[in-house]
Amino acid sequence: MHVFSLKCFGVGDGWPNADRNHSAFLYRLGGATLLIDCGEAVGRSLKASGLDYDALDRVLLSHLHFDHVGGFFMLVQGLWLEHRRRPLSVHLPADGAAPLRGMLEAGYLFEDLLGFELRFAPWHAGQGVTIEQTRVTPFPTTHLDELRRAFAPRHPQSFAAYSFLLETDQLRVAHSADLGAVEDLDPLVREPLDLLVCELAHFPPEALFRYLRGRAIKRLALIHVARPLWRDQEALRRRVAAGLDGLPFVIPRDGEEITL
């Protein structure tokens, strides 16, 4: 049995994709089964995985862009129809709890219909949560800062976005979610990592390569790759290999599993 596995349900960027689902990642480590983000079609991907519907321990939402939360409602409908009974906590930016619950109500997925307790727990930057033997710590990113500057006067939301550090007594794994700049990775790479799962859509690849050189990272998985880069896989892999100076990397497709 692997001490760690990551099933990539959706590795696409925010654009419409004919060959990639949107962001959704199933992590299993430290006795915990965690779903990071709920891009479409996460409900289908979960069903195809064969995972028992009561096995999912938590849902972790990095931010509220729809390529990260657009599949949430069908996920919950699937949990209801497949008769989940365990309570489920959904960790998310505080702004999201009321709207998501409201949409569930609007779609007739009432709390007293579901058959299990659905809890919404807001993230607090730098404050971790422990799930089984896994510690998950959210760190704020600047992904939504430009939107905040442009729209906050008319739309007083928090514009919160988070990356995650997942730790057990054996492993340290970082999941970037969406970043505003490569420097958002700073709190994740302060100590050695067994795996960095990092997006490649919001900055030039060479900026990431320069940032990662010399870091104590055993393996890199590139996700959320920008559509222009994704179109030519061979060129992308050559570019990554040349820029990473020997750091082992993978560019997973939907359905692929990474194990440690």
Protein backbone atom coordinates (compact mmCIF):
# COMPACT_ATOMS: atom_id res chain seq x y z
CA MET A 1 0.00 0.00 0.00
CA HIS A 2 1.27 3.45 -0.89
CA VAL A 3 1.64 5.95 1.95
CA PHE A 4 0.43 8.62 -0.45
CA SER A 5 -1.65 8.81 -3.60
CA LEU A 6 -3.04 11.65 -5.64
CA LYS A 7 -5.78 10.91 -8.16
CA CYS A 8 -6.07 13.74 -10.67
CA PHE A 9 -9.78 14.12 -11.40
CA GLY A 10 -9.30 17.36 -13.34
CA VAL A 11 -6.08 19.06 -14.42
CA GLY A 12 -7.48 21.70 -16.77
CA ASP A 13 -7.12 25.46 -16.60
CA GLY A 14 -10.06 27.85 -16.43
CA TRP A 15 -10.80 27.86 -20.17
CA PRO A 16 -13.24 25.43 -21.79
CA ASN A 17 -11.34 22.22 -22.48
CA ALA A 18 -12.24 19.38 -24.81
CA ASP A 19 -9.73 17.00 -23.24
CA ARG A 20 -9.45 18.05 -19.58
CA ASN A 21 -11.80 18.36 -16.64
CA HIS A 22 -11.55 21.33 -14.33
CA SER A 23 -9.64 21.40 -11.06
CA ALA A 24 -10.32 18.47 -8.72
CA PHE A 25 -7.75 16.34 -6.89
CA LEU A 26 -8.28 13.37 -4.59
CA TYR A 27 -5.50 13.02 -1.99
CA ARG A 28 -5.01 10.01 0.25
CA LEU A 29 -2.38 10.28 2.97
CA GLY A 30 -2.10 9.85 6.73
CA GLY A 31 -5.34 7.87 6.83
CA ALA A 32 -7.29 10.77 5.31
CA THR A 33 -9.12 11.01 1.99
CA LEU A 34 -9.32 14.64 0.91
CA LEU A 35 -10.82 16.27 -2.15
CA ILE A 36 -9.15 19.54 -3.12
CA ASP A 37 -11.48 21.63 -5.31
CA CYS A 38 -14.61 20.62 -7.16
CA GLY A 39 -14.32 21.61 -10.79
CA GLU A 40 -16.67 19.90 -13.20
CA ALA A 41 -17.12 16.95 -13.61
CA VAL A 42 -15.96 15.91 -10.17
CA GLY A 43 -19.11 13.89 -9.47
CA ARG A 44 -18.48 11.70 -12.50
CA SER A 45 -14.81 11.34 -11.61
CA LEU A 46 -15.58 10.28 -8.06
CA LYS A 47 -18.02 7.65 -9.31
CA ALA A 48 -15.49 6.35 -11.83
CA SER A 49 -12.84 6.05 -9.12
CA GLY A 50 -14.87 3.39 -7.33
CA LEU A 51 -14.35 5.12 -4.00
CA ASP A 52 -17.02 4.44 -1.40
CA TYR A 53 -19.12 7.56 -0.92
CA ASP A 54 -18.62 7.43 2.85
CA ALA A 55 -14.82 7.27 2.45
CA LEU A 56 -14.42 10.96 1.61
CA ASP A 57 -13.27 12.74 4.77
CA ARG A 58 -13.21 16.43 3.76
CA VAL A 59 -13.66 18.77 0.84
CA LEU A 60 -11.11 21.60 0.64
CA LEU A 61 -11.96 24.54 -1.63
CA SER A 62 -9.09 26.85 -2.51
CA HIS A 63 -11.17 29.74 -3.86
CA LEU A 64 -14.52 30.42 -5.45
CA HIS A 65 -13.78 30.57 -9.17
CA PHE A 66 -16.18 28.23 -10.92
CA ASP A 67 -13.47 26.06 -12.46
CA HIS A 68 -12.76 25.12 -8.83
CA VAL A 69 -16.31 24.93 -7.42
CA GLY A 70 -18.56 24.41 -10.45
CA GLY A 71 -19.00 20.69 -9.82
CA PHE A 72 -19.77 21.03 -6.13
CA PHE A 73 -23.54 20.79 -6.44
CA MET A 74 -23.52 17.60 -8.50
CA LEU A 75 -20.99 16.17 -6.05
CA VAL A 76 -23.42 16.77 -3.18
CA GLN A 77 -26.32 15.39 -5.23
CA GLY A 78 -24.27 12.27 -5.88
CA LEU A 79 -23.47 11.87 -2.18
CA TRP A 80 -27.20 12.10 -1.43
CA LEU A 81 -28.27 9.63 -4.12
CA GLU A 82 -25.53 7.17 -3.16
CA HIS A 83 -26.70 7.32 0.48
CA ARG A 84 -23.73 8.85 2.21
CA ARG A 85 -24.29 8.85 5.98
CA ARG A 86 -21.11 10.33 7.50
CA PRO A 87 -21.01 14.06 8.23
CA LEU A 88 -18.95 16.00 5.69
CA SER A 89 -17.04 19.19 6.37
CA VAL A 90 -16.34 21.56 3.50
CA HIS A 91 -13.48 23.98 4.20
CA LEU A 92 -13.66 27.12 2.07
CA PRO A 93 -13.24 30.90 1.93
CA ALA A 94 -15.73 32.43 4.34
CA ASP A 95 -17.59 34.28 1.56
CA GLY A 96 -18.64 30.99 0.02
CA ALA A 97 -20.58 29.30 2.80
CA ALA A 98 -23.86 31.20 2.53
CA PRO A 99 -24.06 31.23 -1.31
CA LEU A 100 -23.24 27.53 -1.61
CA ARG A 101 -25.79 26.61 1.01
CA GLY A 102 -28.31 28.87 -0.71
CA MET A 103 -27.76 27.15 -4.06
CA LEU A 104 -28.20 23.74 -2.46
CA GLU A 105 -31.52 24.96 -1.06
CA ALA A 106 -32.51 26.42 -4.43
CA GLY A 107 -31.75 23.07 -6.05
CA TYR A 108 -33.90 21.22 -3.47
CA LEU A 109 -30.95 19.58 -1.74
CA PHE A 110 -32.32 20.50 1.65
CA GLU A 111 -30.31 19.74 4.77
CA ASP A 112 -33.05 17.46 6.09
CA LEU A 113 -33.18 15.61 2.75
CA LEU A 114 -29.50 14.77 2.37
CA GLY A 115 -29.28 12.10 5.04
CA PHE A 116 -25.92 13.38 6.27
CA GLU A 117 -24.75 16.54 7.96
CA LEU A 118 -23.03 19.01 5.64
CA ARG A 119 -20.83 21.50 7.50
CA PHE A 120 -19.17 24.61 6.09
CA ALA A 121 -15.95 25.66 7.83
CA PRO A 122 -14.20 28.90 6.81
CA TRP A 123 -10.45 28.90 6.31
CA HIS A 124 -8.24 31.01 8.57
CA ALA A 125 -4.89 31.77 6.96
CA GLY A 126 -2.04 29.85 8.53
CA GLN A 127 -4.31 27.91 10.88
CA GLY A 128 -4.22 24.22 10.09
CA VAL A 129 -6.84 21.54 10.53
CA THR A 130 -6.03 17.96 11.45
CA ILE A 131 -7.80 15.14 9.62
CA GLU A 132 -6.83 11.68 10.82
CA GLN A 133 -3.00 11.88 10.84
CA THR A 134 -2.81 14.66 8.24
CA ARG A 135 -2.38 18.34 8.96
CA VAL A 136 -3.71 20.72 6.29
CA THR A 137 -2.62 24.34 6.52
CA PRO A 138 -4.03 27.03 4.19
CA PHE A 139 -1.85 29.92 3.06
CA PRO A 140 -3.23 32.97 1.25
CA THR A 141 -2.22 33.62 -2.34
CA THR A 142 -2.44 36.77 -4.46
CA HIS A 143 -4.46 35.04 -7.19
CA LEU A 144 -7.46 37.36 -6.81
CA ASP A 145 -5.63 40.56 -5.90
CA GLU A 146 -6.12 42.21 -9.30
CA LEU A 147 -9.85 41.49 -9.15
CA ARG A 148 -9.92 42.92 -5.64
CA ARG A 149 -8.29 46.15 -6.77
CA ALA A 150 -10.65 46.51 -9.72
CA PHE A 151 -13.95 45.46 -8.17
CA ALA A 152 -13.80 45.63 -4.36
CA PRO A 153 -15.34 49.14 -4.21
CA ARG A 154 -18.48 47.80 -5.88
CA HIS A 155 -18.28 44.19 -4.71
CA PRO A 156 -17.12 44.10 -1.06
CA GLN A 157 -16.00 40.48 -0.92
CA SER A 158 -12.82 39.09 0.58
CA PHE A 159 -11.36 37.82 -2.73
CA ALA A 160 -9.63 35.09 -0.73
CA ALA A 161 -7.60 32.33 -2.35
CA TYR A 162 -5.46 29.68 -0.68
CA SER A 163 -2.73 27.17 -1.30
CA PHE A 164 -2.28 24.14 0.96
CA LEU A 165 0.45 22.33 2.84
CA LEU A 166 -0.40 18.70 3.66
CA GLU A 167 1.78 17.09 6.30
CA THR A 168 2.03 13.74 8.03
CA ASP A 169 4.86 12.37 10.15
CA GLN A 170 6.32 10.93 6.93
CA LEU A 171 5.45 13.39 4.16
CA ARG A 172 5.25 17.05 3.21
CA VAL A 173 3.16 17.79 0.13
CA ALA A 174 2.23 21.23 -1.20
CA HIS A 175 -0.71 22.04 -3.47
CA SER A 176 -0.56 25.48 -5.03
CA ALA A 177 -4.13 25.80 -6.34
CA ASP A 178 -4.12 29.11 -8.30
CA LEU A 179 -1.41 31.68 -7.69
CA GLY A 180 -0.93 35.34 -8.46
CA ALA A 181 2.86 35.04 -8.58
CA VAL A 182 5.43 32.32 -7.98
CA GLU A 183 6.39 34.03 -4.71
CA ASP A 184 3.03 32.86 -3.31
CA LEU A 185 4.79 29.52 -2.91
CA ASP A 186 7.14 30.94 -0.25
CA PRO A 187 5.39 29.46 2.82
CA LEU A 188 5.11 26.07 1.13
CA VAL A 189 8.78 25.63 0.26
CA ARG A 190 10.42 26.90 3.45
CA GLU A 191 11.12 23.28 4.38
CA PRO A 192 11.83 20.31 2.10
CA LEU A 193 8.92 18.88 0.13
CA ASP A 194 8.31 15.35 -1.05
CA LEU A 195 5.99 16.66 -3.76
CA LEU A 196 4.95 20.05 -5.07
CA VAL A 197 1.74 20.10 -7.08
CA CYS A 198 1.84 23.43 -8.88
CA GLU A 199 -0.26 25.24 -11.42
CA LEU A 200 1.23 26.61 -14.63
CA ALA A 201 -1.34 29.05 -15.97
CA HIS A 202 -0.83 32.44 -14.34
CA PHE A 203 2.86 33.21 -14.96
CA PRO A 204 5.50 32.30 -17.55
CA PRO A 205 6.98 28.82 -17.06
CA GLU A 206 10.49 30.25 -16.84
CA ALA A 207 9.46 32.32 -13.82
CA LEU A 208 8.54 29.11 -12.01
CA PHE A 209 11.72 27.35 -13.13
CA ARG A 210 13.93 30.17 -11.82
CA TYR A 211 12.04 30.19 -8.54
CA LEU A 212 12.35 26.44 -7.99
CA ARG A 213 16.06 26.08 -8.74
CA GLY A 214 17.94 24.98 -5.66
CA ARG A 215 14.80 24.24 -3.66
CA ALA A 216 14.59 21.05 -1.62
CA ILE A 217 11.81 19.42 -3.63
CA LYS A 218 11.90 15.73 -4.53
CA ARG A 219 9.24 15.79 -7.24
CA LEU A 220 7.08 18.26 -9.12
CA ALA A 221 3.64 17.76 -10.67
CA LEU A 222 2.48 20.49 -13.05
CA ILE A 223 -1.28 20.98 -13.18
CA HIS A 224 -3.73 23.63 -14.41
CA VAL A 225 -1.42 24.11 -17.38
CA ALA A 226 -2.40 27.04 -19.60
CA ARG A 227 -4.20 25.92 -22.73
CA PRO A 228 -1.58 27.31 -25.19
CA LEU A 229 1.13 25.33 -23.37
CA TRP A 230 -0.98 22.20 -23.16
CA ARG A 231 -1.59 22.06 -26.92
CA ASP A 232 1.99 20.97 -27.64
CA GLN A 233 2.90 18.38 -25.03
CA GLU A 234 6.29 17.50 -26.49
CA ALA A 235 7.42 21.12 -26.61
CA LEU A 236 6.15 21.69 -23.07
CA ARG A 237 8.06 18.71 -21.69
CA ARG A 238 11.27 19.81 -23.41
CA ARG A 239 10.82 23.29 -22.00
CA VAL A 240 10.19 21.99 -18.49
CA ALA A 241 13.09 19.53 -18.60
CA ALA A 242 15.47 22.24 -19.77
CA GLY A 243 14.29 24.67 -17.10
CA LEU A 244 14.22 22.43 -14.03
CA ASP A 245 17.86 21.32 -14.01
CA GLY A 246 17.16 17.67 -13.25
CA LEU A 247 14.19 17.99 -10.86
CA PRO A 248 11.91 14.99 -11.54
CA PHE A 249 8.52 16.12 -12.85
CA VAL A 250 5.24 14.83 -14.21
CA ILE A 251 2.50 16.57 -16.18
CA PRO A 252 -0.48 14.38 -15.33
CA ARG A 253 -3.63 13.98 -17.39
CA ASP A 254 -7.12 13.47 -16.04
CA GLY A 255 -7.45 10.11 -14.33
CA GLU A 256 -3.74 9.64 -13.69
CA GLU A 257 -2.53 8.74 -10.21
CA ILE A 258 0.65 9.87 -8.50
CA THR A 259 1.98 7.67 -5.70
CA LEU A 260 4.83 7.95 -3.21
